[in-house]
Amino acid sequence: MRDLHGKVAVVTGGANGVGRRLVEALLGEGARVVIADIERPVLDAALRDLADRGEVSGIVTDVADEASVEALVDAVFDRYGTCNLLFNNAGVTSGGGGLPWEQEPNDWRWCFSVNVFGVANCTLAFVPRMIATGDEGLVVNTSSGDGGFAPVPNASVYAASKAAVSCFTEALAHNLISQATNVRACVFYPSGGLLETGLWTAQRNRPEALARVRPRPAAPMTTIAEFKEAMAKAGRPLQTMDVLELGRFAIAGIKEGRFVISHGLETITALLHDRAEAIGRGELPPVLHAYE
């Protein structure tokens, strides 16, 4: 999709962080953007800030709730009659990571309800209608190298959710092609350095019904400041990625027709080769952080 001018784009989790920067990059291309976000105050603030950038509107949406997503798709198609770009970007952590056996069922339920079922709900609601219009369309699913390329021992639940997103996106893309639709799919890996986004404080949106039941064991990190400090003490100071540049990078990848949109693919290639060779030998494959 080389020309985004006038195209209708929906961005879930679009009021903050990476989603907000995707919205800004889309508006810079002349797209008409609908922001779907669960946080009304943050959504309203984003709409005020972006009002002079182009055609942008917002709908409070909980991607984990099927009815909420159905209301979103109805509103988009009632207004525009189409959706050309669907960014399944909304995401949460599982609660700060830790040992896999220290997680509890509600950590899995919350993380997967947004990261996996959120993608599923939006795909089920939007894609059939996108196909039916016959218009050029693209589904962009936000995954993560943490799980999308290799497991991360200290973020097992989150990484598992993102592995599911990557695997599902490949299946979706193959089927959209084999069924001769005008819709395609790609996977976006936020990358290039440490991202200072709302994902680090995603617990603020955790539903009370999915709160942890047991006391939380000490997690390896709780805030981005603590993480940066720990890495610096370990002799591994982190590079920070400008999130607006990342949004523009993602849009550039879309216009180039890439299926995988990520920085550092040369390093990832080496990781995947080593993983494949270890699997071929029946051995435990290396983890992602060994290549960072």
Protein backbone atom coordinates (compact mmCIF):
# COMPACT_ATOMS: atom_id res chain seq x y z
CA MET A 1 0.00 0.00 0.00
CA ARG A 2 2.20 2.78 -1.33
CA ASP A 3 -0.21 5.71 -1.11
CA LEU A 4 -1.92 6.22 2.25
CA HIS A 5 -3.52 9.56 1.40
CA GLY A 6 -7.25 9.38 2.08
CA LYS A 7 -7.04 5.84 3.40
CA VAL A 8 -9.05 4.96 6.51
CA ALA A 9 -6.91 3.63 9.35
CA VAL A 10 -7.95 2.25 12.75
CA VAL A 11 -5.29 2.11 15.48
CA THR A 12 -6.07 0.25 18.70
CA GLY A 13 -4.19 1.51 21.73
CA GLY A 14 -3.66 4.60 19.62
CA ALA A 15 -3.87 7.34 22.25
CA ASN A 16 -0.48 6.72 23.83
CA GLY A 17 2.97 5.25 23.25
CA VAL A 18 3.73 3.48 19.99
CA GLY A 19 0.08 3.67 18.92
CA ARG A 20 0.02 7.45 19.30
CA ARG A 21 3.13 7.75 17.13
CA LEU A 22 1.61 5.45 14.50
CA VAL A 23 -1.38 7.80 14.43
CA GLU A 24 0.87 10.83 13.96
CA ALA A 25 2.79 9.13 11.15
CA LEU A 26 -0.46 8.14 9.43
CA LEU A 27 -1.83 11.68 9.65
CA GLY A 28 1.43 12.87 8.14
CA GLU A 29 0.65 10.67 5.14
CA GLY A 30 -2.83 12.14 4.77
CA ALA A 31 -4.71 9.12 6.14
CA ARG A 32 -8.01 9.46 7.97
CA VAL A 33 -7.48 7.92 11.37
CA VAL A 34 -9.77 6.46 14.02
CA ILE A 35 -8.10 6.02 17.41
CA ALA A 36 -9.47 3.16 19.51
CA ASP A 37 -8.32 3.28 23.11
CA ILE A 38 -9.59 2.11 26.48
CA GLU A 39 -8.57 5.28 28.39
CA ARG A 40 -11.08 8.11 27.82
CA PRO A 41 -8.95 10.94 29.34
CA VAL A 42 -5.86 9.95 27.36
CA LEU A 43 -7.95 9.55 24.19
CA ASP A 44 -9.52 12.98 24.60
CA ALA A 45 -6.10 14.56 25.18
CA ALA A 46 -4.71 12.89 22.05
CA LEU A 47 -7.62 14.13 19.94
CA ARG A 48 -7.09 17.68 21.19
CA ASP A 49 -3.38 17.52 20.43
CA LEU A 50 -3.87 16.07 16.95
CA ALA A 51 -6.91 18.07 15.84
CA ASP A 52 -4.89 20.28 13.49
CA ARG A 53 -2.87 17.40 12.00
CA GLY A 54 -5.63 15.98 9.82
CA GLU A 55 -8.86 13.99 10.00
CA VAL A 56 -8.78 12.10 13.29
CA SER A 57 -11.50 10.80 15.59
CA GLY A 58 -11.65 8.49 18.57
CA ILE A 59 -13.79 5.75 20.05
CA VAL A 60 -13.36 4.31 23.53
CA THR A 61 -12.75 0.62 22.94
CA ASP A 62 -11.80 -2.39 25.03
CA VAL A 63 -10.28 -4.83 22.55
CA ALA A 64 -10.74 -7.67 25.05
CA ASP A 65 -14.51 -7.17 24.87
CA GLU A 66 -16.23 -8.52 21.74
CA ALA A 67 -19.19 -6.14 22.00
CA SER A 68 -16.88 -3.15 22.34
CA VAL A 69 -14.98 -4.17 19.20
CA GLU A 70 -18.23 -4.77 17.29
CA ALA A 71 -19.33 -1.24 18.23
CA LEU A 72 -16.01 0.07 16.93
CA VAL A 73 -16.27 -1.68 13.56
CA ASP A 74 -19.90 -0.56 13.16
CA ALA A 75 -18.93 3.05 13.85
CA VAL A 76 -16.04 2.95 11.37
CA PHE A 77 -18.05 1.38 8.55
CA ASP A 78 -21.10 3.56 9.22
CA ARG A 79 -18.93 6.65 8.85
CA TYR A 80 -16.52 5.64 6.09
CA GLY A 81 -17.92 2.50 4.48
CA THR A 82 -14.48 0.93 4.57
CA CYS A 83 -11.33 0.29 6.58
CA ASN A 84 -8.05 0.15 4.68
CA LEU A 85 -5.60 -0.19 7.56
CA LEU A 86 -6.24 -2.01 10.81
CA PHE A 87 -3.48 -1.66 13.39
CA ASN A 88 -3.92 -4.24 16.15
CA ASN A 89 -1.56 -2.40 18.44
CA ALA A 90 -3.13 -2.44 21.92
CA GLY A 91 -1.04 -4.45 24.35
CA VAL A 92 -0.22 -5.02 28.00
CA THR A 93 2.38 -6.83 30.05
CA SER A 94 1.52 -9.71 32.36
CA GLY A 95 2.43 -7.76 35.47
CA GLY A 96 6.17 -7.23 35.59
CA GLY A 97 7.55 -10.64 34.68
CA GLY A 98 9.23 -13.03 37.06
CA LEU A 99 9.62 -16.80 37.27
CA PRO A 100 7.02 -18.70 35.21
CA TRP A 101 5.74 -20.64 38.23
CA GLU A 102 5.25 -17.40 40.17
CA GLN A 103 2.69 -16.19 37.64
CA GLU A 104 -0.96 -16.98 38.32
CA PRO A 105 -4.02 -17.63 36.14
CA ASN A 106 -5.16 -14.00 36.20
CA ASP A 107 -1.78 -12.90 34.83
CA TRP A 108 -2.39 -15.18 31.86
CA ARG A 109 -6.03 -14.14 31.51
CA TRP A 110 -5.29 -10.42 31.47
CA CYS A 111 -2.25 -10.54 29.21
CA PHE A 112 -3.84 -12.89 26.68
CA SER A 113 -7.23 -11.14 26.81
CA VAL A 114 -5.64 -8.00 25.36
CA ASN A 115 -2.58 -9.19 23.44
CA VAL A 116 -4.10 -12.29 21.84
CA PHE A 117 -7.88 -12.14 22.14
CA GLY A 118 -7.71 -8.42 21.34
CA VAL A 119 -6.05 -9.25 18.02
CA ALA A 120 -8.53 -12.07 17.47
CA ASN A 121 -11.59 -9.94 18.26
CA CYS A 122 -10.51 -7.17 15.90
CA THR A 123 -9.61 -9.62 13.15
CA LEU A 124 -12.95 -11.39 13.44
CA ALA A 125 -14.87 -8.12 13.41
CA PHE A 126 -12.97 -6.15 10.78
CA VAL A 127 -11.44 -8.54 8.26
CA PRO A 128 -14.63 -10.05 6.78
CA ARG A 129 -15.99 -6.55 6.19
CA MET A 130 -12.67 -5.35 4.81
CA ILE A 131 -12.67 -8.26 2.38
CA ALA A 132 -16.30 -7.66 1.39
CA THR A 133 -15.63 -4.08 0.27
CA GLY A 134 -13.07 -5.24 -2.27
CA ASP A 135 -10.88 -2.28 -1.29
CA GLU A 136 -7.15 -2.55 -0.77
CA GLY A 137 -6.59 -3.38 2.88
CA LEU A 138 -3.87 -4.26 5.35
CA VAL A 139 -3.88 -5.69 8.88
CA VAL A 140 -0.82 -4.67 10.91
CA ASN A 141 -0.36 -6.72 14.08
CA THR A 142 2.06 -5.41 16.69
CA SER A 143 4.16 -8.24 18.11
CA SER A 144 7.48 -8.07 19.97
CA GLY A 145 10.90 -9.57 19.62
CA ASP A 146 10.24 -10.74 23.18
CA GLY A 147 8.42 -13.87 22.10
CA GLY A 148 7.98 -13.08 18.44
CA PHE A 149 11.56 -14.08 17.71
CA ALA A 150 12.53 -16.00 20.85
CA PRO A 151 11.32 -16.61 24.41
CA VAL A 152 12.34 -14.28 27.22
CA PRO A 153 12.73 -16.21 30.49
CA ASN A 154 11.79 -13.29 32.76
CA ALA A 155 8.71 -12.35 30.75
CA SER A 156 7.33 -15.77 29.93
CA VAL A 157 3.62 -14.92 29.78
CA TYR A 158 4.06 -11.72 27.80
CA ALA A 159 6.50 -13.41 25.42
CA ALA A 160 4.10 -16.31 24.92
CA SER A 161 1.35 -13.87 23.98
CA LYS A 162 3.55 -12.15 21.42
CA ALA A 163 4.69 -15.47 19.97
CA ALA A 164 1.01 -16.21 19.42
CA VAL A 165 0.53 -12.88 17.62
CA SER A 166 3.45 -13.56 15.26
CA CYS A 167 2.31 -17.09 14.48
CA PHE A 168 -1.29 -16.00 13.93
CA THR A 169 -0.25 -13.15 11.62
CA GLU A 170 1.65 -15.52 9.35
CA ALA A 171 -1.40 -17.77 9.11
CA LEU A 172 -3.65 -14.78 8.46
CA ALA A 173 -1.37 -13.46 5.72
CA HIS A 174 -1.16 -16.80 3.93
CA ASN A 175 -4.93 -17.22 3.97
CA LEU A 176 -5.65 -13.69 2.76
CA ILE A 177 -3.42 -14.42 -0.23
CA SER A 178 -4.68 -17.95 -0.95
CA GLN A 179 -8.29 -16.76 -0.86
CA ALA A 180 -7.50 -14.08 -3.47
CA THR A 181 -8.59 -11.17 -1.30
CA ASN A 182 -7.43 -7.57 -1.62
CA VAL A 183 -6.44 -7.56 2.04
CA ARG A 184 -2.95 -8.40 3.30
CA ALA A 185 -1.34 -8.73 6.74
CA CYS A 186 2.04 -7.89 8.21
CA VAL A 187 3.70 -7.95 11.61
CA PHE A 188 5.34 -4.97 13.29
CA TYR A 189 8.06 -5.41 15.89
CA PRO A 190 8.73 -2.21 17.88
CA SER A 191 12.52 -2.17 17.96
CA GLY A 192 15.67 -0.13 17.65
CA GLY A 193 16.19 0.52 21.35
CA LEU A 194 14.41 0.83 24.66
CA LEU A 195 10.87 2.18 24.27
CA GLU A 196 9.66 4.57 26.94
CA THR A 197 5.93 3.93 26.55
CA GLY A 198 2.84 3.26 28.64
CA LEU A 199 3.45 -0.48 28.42
CA TRP A 200 5.63 -0.16 31.50
CA THR A 201 2.65 1.10 33.49
CA ALA A 202 -0.04 -1.02 31.82
CA GLN A 203 -1.20 -2.26 35.23
CA ARG A 204 -3.21 0.98 35.52
CA ASN A 205 -5.77 -0.54 33.11
CA ARG A 206 -5.89 -4.01 34.63
CA PRO A 207 -9.51 -4.94 35.42
CA GLU A 208 -10.28 -5.56 39.08
CA ALA A 209 -11.78 -8.92 38.17
CA LEU A 210 -8.37 -9.98 36.80
CA ALA A 211 -6.27 -8.67 39.69
CA ARG A 212 -3.66 -10.91 41.22
CA VAL A 213 -4.97 -13.10 44.03
CA ARG A 214 -1.69 -13.95 45.72
CA PRO A 215 0.96 -11.49 46.92
CA ARG A 216 3.30 -10.51 44.13
CA PRO A 217 6.80 -12.04 44.37
CA ALA A 218 9.65 -9.65 43.73
CA ALA A 219 9.82 -9.03 40.00
CA PRO A 220 13.09 -8.43 38.13
CA MET A 221 11.88 -4.94 37.14
CA THR A 222 8.91 -2.75 37.94
CA THR A 223 9.62 0.57 36.22
CA ILE A 224 11.57 1.67 33.17
CA ALA A 225 13.90 3.72 35.41
CA GLU A 226 14.75 0.64 37.48
CA PHE A 227 15.35 -1.39 34.34
CA LYS A 228 17.68 1.22 32.86
CA GLU A 229 19.58 1.51 36.14
CA ALA A 230 19.99 -2.26 36.45
CA MET A 231 21.27 -2.59 32.88
CA ALA A 232 23.72 0.28 33.39
CA LYS A 233 25.09 -1.38 36.54
CA ALA A 234 25.49 -4.60 34.57
CA GLY A 235 27.62 -2.76 32.04
CA ARG A 236 24.92 -2.82 29.37
CA PRO A 237 23.63 0.75 29.03
CA LEU A 238 20.57 0.89 26.82
CA GLN A 239 19.91 2.93 23.72
CA THR A 240 16.51 4.62 23.70
CA MET A 241 14.44 4.58 20.51
CA ASP A 242 12.59 7.74 19.52
CA VAL A 243 9.00 6.52 19.37
CA LEU A 244 7.93 9.00 16.69
CA GLU A 245 10.75 7.82 14.45
CA LEU A 246 9.62 4.27 15.15
CA GLY A 247 6.11 5.15 13.98
CA ARG A 248 7.49 6.62 10.78
CA PHE A 249 9.67 3.54 10.33
CA ALA A 250 6.58 1.32 10.57
CA ILE A 251 4.70 3.37 7.98
CA ALA A 252 7.71 3.25 5.66
CA GLY A 253 7.75 -0.54 5.99
CA ILE A 254 4.07 -0.67 5.10
CA LYS A 255 4.61 1.43 2.00
CA GLU A 256 7.51 -0.82 0.98
CA GLY A 257 5.27 -3.88 1.27
CA ARG A 258 7.26 -5.61 3.99
CA PHE A 259 5.72 -8.49 5.92
CA VAL A 260 8.18 -8.18 8.81
CA ILE A 261 8.75 -4.61 9.95
CA SER A 262 11.62 -4.47 12.42
CA HIS A 263 15.00 -2.96 13.08
CA GLY A 264 18.02 -5.23 13.54
CA LEU A 265 16.94 -8.09 11.30
CA GLU A 266 20.56 -9.07 10.66
CA THR A 267 21.00 -9.90 14.35
CA ILE A 268 17.65 -11.65 14.43
CA THR A 269 18.68 -13.75 11.44
CA ALA A 270 21.71 -15.02 13.36
CA LEU A 271 19.51 -15.79 16.37
CA LEU A 272 16.98 -17.71 14.30
CA HIS A 273 19.73 -19.72 12.56
CA ASP A 274 21.17 -20.70 15.95
CA ARG A 275 17.71 -21.56 17.25
CA ALA A 276 17.00 -23.75 14.21
CA GLU A 277 20.30 -25.57 14.57
CA ALA A 278 19.71 -26.18 18.29
CA ILE A 279 16.21 -27.49 17.61
CA GLY A 280 17.62 -29.72 14.88
CA ARG A 281 19.97 -31.20 17.47
CA GLY A 282 17.14 -31.63 19.96
CA GLU A 283 18.68 -29.02 22.29
CA LEU A 284 17.35 -26.04 24.23
CA PRO A 285 17.58 -23.01 21.88
CA PRO A 286 19.23 -19.74 22.95
CA VAL A 287 17.10 -16.87 24.26
CA LEU A 288 16.75 -13.42 22.76
CA HIS A 289 18.77 -11.38 25.27
CA ALA A 290 21.93 -13.32 24.44
CA TYR A 291 21.94 -11.46 21.08
CA GLU A 292 21.13 -7.97 22.33
